[in-house]
Amino acid sequence: MPEERRQLISSGTTWEARVGYSRAVRVGNAVYVAGTTATTRDGGFVGENDAYAQTRHIIANIAWALEQAGATLRDVVRYRIYLTRQADWPDAAKALHEAFGEIRPVNTLIGIAWLVDPRMLVEIDVDAFIGSGLDVN
């Protein structure tokens, strides 16, 4: 893939077309995954009132998007997690540790007032750099 070429990845959800964004964008070895919630590609929803289940599903959706761009979770260098309820951070953290405990990217946790659907408790976006996960200590 030429360094200057931009690859757009879509999961086909209605939100992407409605708002005008891609699930992920790859430019060179950098991959940026948009804020991801616990929705399914067919319009369903996972984990109502369960931050742990939502976070696990979100990570699976992010892993899919990274795979489409030629990356994996091991290539993630930064993630940001947005929570609507402070009390949910331990449940979200448990799922994040399961996915990133050995990879240890940088992270920011942000408390927010709301997400577009009131069932949504968690949203996560990631930045990855293909090839950066080769020597994880």
Protein backbone atom coordinates (compact mmCIF):
# COMPACT_ATOMS: atom_id res chain seq x y z
CA MET A 1 0.00 0.00 0.00
CA PRO A 2 1.59 3.33 -1.02
CA GLU A 3 2.36 5.58 1.97
CA GLU A 4 0.08 8.40 0.76
CA ARG A 5 -2.94 6.23 -0.06
CA ARG A 6 -5.94 6.39 2.25
CA GLN A 7 -7.95 3.19 2.85
CA LEU A 8 -11.47 3.64 4.19
CA ILE A 9 -13.05 0.76 6.10
CA SER A 10 -16.80 0.58 6.66
CA SER A 11 -18.71 -1.87 8.81
CA GLY A 12 -21.95 -0.98 7.02
CA THR A 13 -23.80 0.42 10.03
CA THR A 14 -26.37 3.12 9.38
CA TRP A 15 -24.45 5.56 11.61
CA GLU A 16 -21.49 5.69 9.24
CA ALA A 17 -23.59 6.68 6.24
CA ARG A 18 -25.86 8.98 8.25
CA VAL A 19 -23.05 10.94 9.90
CA GLY A 20 -20.43 10.62 7.16
CA TYR A 21 -17.50 8.73 8.67
CA SER A 22 -15.58 5.49 8.29
CA ARG A 23 -15.25 2.76 10.94
CA ALA A 24 -11.50 2.96 10.36
CA VAL A 25 -9.02 4.75 8.15
CA ARG A 26 -5.56 3.49 7.25
CA VAL A 27 -2.87 5.81 5.96
CA GLY A 28 0.49 4.12 5.54
CA ASN A 29 1.07 2.04 8.67
CA ALA A 30 -1.24 4.16 10.83
CA VAL A 31 -4.79 2.96 11.51
CA TYR A 32 -7.42 5.06 13.25
CA VAL A 33 -10.62 3.40 14.46
CA ALA A 34 -13.63 5.63 15.10
CA GLY A 35 -15.50 5.76 18.37
CA THR A 36 -17.11 2.33 18.63
CA THR A 37 -20.12 1.30 20.70
CA ALA A 38 -21.83 -2.01 21.41
CA THR A 39 -23.94 -2.05 18.27
CA THR A 40 -23.97 -4.89 15.79
CA ARG A 41 -23.58 -4.51 12.04
CA ASP A 42 -27.22 -5.48 11.56
CA GLY A 43 -28.47 -2.70 13.85
CA GLY A 44 -28.74 -4.73 17.05
CA PHE A 45 -27.28 -3.91 20.44
CA VAL A 46 -25.21 -5.95 22.92
CA GLY A 47 -25.02 -5.67 26.70
CA GLU A 48 -27.83 -3.40 27.77
CA ASN A 49 -26.96 -2.06 31.25
CA ASP A 50 -23.73 -4.13 31.28
CA ALA A 51 -20.51 -2.14 30.78
CA TYR A 52 -18.35 -5.29 30.80
CA ALA A 53 -20.36 -6.96 28.00
CA GLN A 54 -20.43 -3.73 26.01
CA THR A 55 -16.68 -3.25 26.34
CA ARG A 56 -15.95 -6.83 25.24
CA HIS A 57 -18.22 -6.41 22.20
CA ILE A 58 -16.65 -3.06 21.35
CA ILE A 59 -13.17 -4.58 21.47
CA ALA A 60 -14.33 -7.37 19.13
CA ASN A 61 -15.71 -4.74 16.72
CA ILE A 62 -12.44 -2.81 16.91
CA ALA A 63 -10.43 -6.00 16.29
CA TRP A 64 -12.55 -6.64 13.17
CA ALA A 65 -11.92 -3.10 11.87
CA LEU A 66 -8.19 -3.39 12.54
CA GLU A 67 -8.10 -6.72 10.71
CA GLN A 68 -9.72 -5.12 7.65
CA ALA A 69 -6.83 -2.63 7.65
CA GLY A 70 -4.15 -5.29 8.10
CA ALA A 71 -3.60 -4.65 11.82
CA THR A 72 -4.37 -6.43 15.09
CA LEU A 73 -5.03 -5.42 18.68
CA ARG A 74 -1.30 -5.93 19.28
CA ASP A 75 -0.67 -2.92 17.01
CA VAL A 76 -2.80 -0.56 19.15
CA VAL A 77 -0.69 2.26 20.59
CA ARG A 78 -3.49 4.38 22.10
CA TYR A 79 -7.10 3.96 23.10
CA ARG A 80 -9.62 6.32 24.59
CA ILE A 81 -12.61 5.05 26.51
CA TYR A 82 -15.68 7.16 27.20
CA LEU A 83 -18.04 6.15 30.03
CA THR A 84 -21.44 7.60 30.85
CA ARG A 85 -21.40 6.24 34.42
CA GLN A 86 -18.38 6.53 36.70
CA ALA A 87 -19.37 3.37 38.59
CA ASP A 88 -18.84 1.30 35.41
CA TRP A 89 -15.10 1.88 35.19
CA PRO A 90 -14.08 -1.35 37.02
CA ASP A 91 -16.20 -3.50 34.66
CA ALA A 92 -14.87 -1.72 31.58
CA ALA A 93 -11.33 -1.93 32.96
CA LYS A 94 -11.66 -5.71 33.42
CA ALA A 95 -12.53 -6.18 29.73
CA LEU A 96 -9.80 -3.75 28.65
CA HIS A 97 -7.22 -5.62 30.72
CA GLU A 98 -8.26 -8.91 29.10
CA ALA A 99 -7.59 -7.40 25.66
CA PHE A 100 -4.67 -5.06 26.34
CA GLY A 101 -3.05 -6.29 29.56
CA GLU A 102 0.10 -7.50 27.78
CA ILE A 103 0.05 -4.93 24.97
CA ARG A 104 -0.20 -1.93 27.30
CA PRO A 105 -0.98 0.93 24.91
CA VAL A 106 -1.45 4.41 26.34
CA ASN A 107 -4.99 5.09 27.50
CA THR A 108 -7.33 7.88 28.48
CA LEU A 109 -10.58 7.31 30.37
CA ILE A 110 -13.13 10.11 30.02
CA GLY A 111 -16.44 10.52 31.83
CA ILE A 112 -19.15 11.94 29.60
CA ALA A 113 -22.78 12.98 30.05
CA TRP A 114 -24.36 10.91 27.27
CA LEU A 115 -24.00 8.91 24.06
CA VAL A 116 -26.36 8.92 21.09
CA ASP A 117 -28.39 5.96 22.40
CA PRO A 118 -29.21 5.92 26.14
CA ARG A 119 -28.41 2.17 26.31
CA MET A 120 -24.81 2.95 25.38
CA LEU A 121 -22.57 3.08 28.44
CA VAL A 122 -19.19 2.80 26.71
CA GLU A 123 -17.50 4.10 23.58
CA ILE A 124 -13.89 3.39 22.59
CA ASP A 125 -11.64 4.66 19.80
CA VAL A 126 -8.14 3.43 19.01
CA ASP A 127 -5.01 4.39 17.12
CA ALA A 128 -2.76 1.62 15.85
CA PHE A 129 0.55 1.46 14.04
CA ILE A 130 1.04 -1.67 11.95
CA GLY A 131 4.22 -3.47 12.95
CA SER A 132 4.52 -1.80 16.35
CA GLY A 133 3.28 -4.91 18.15
CA LEU A 134 6.19 -7.13 17.16
CA ASP A 135 8.24 -6.73 20.34
CA VAL A 136 5.77 -6.57 23.20
CA ASN A 137 7.51 -6.78 26.59
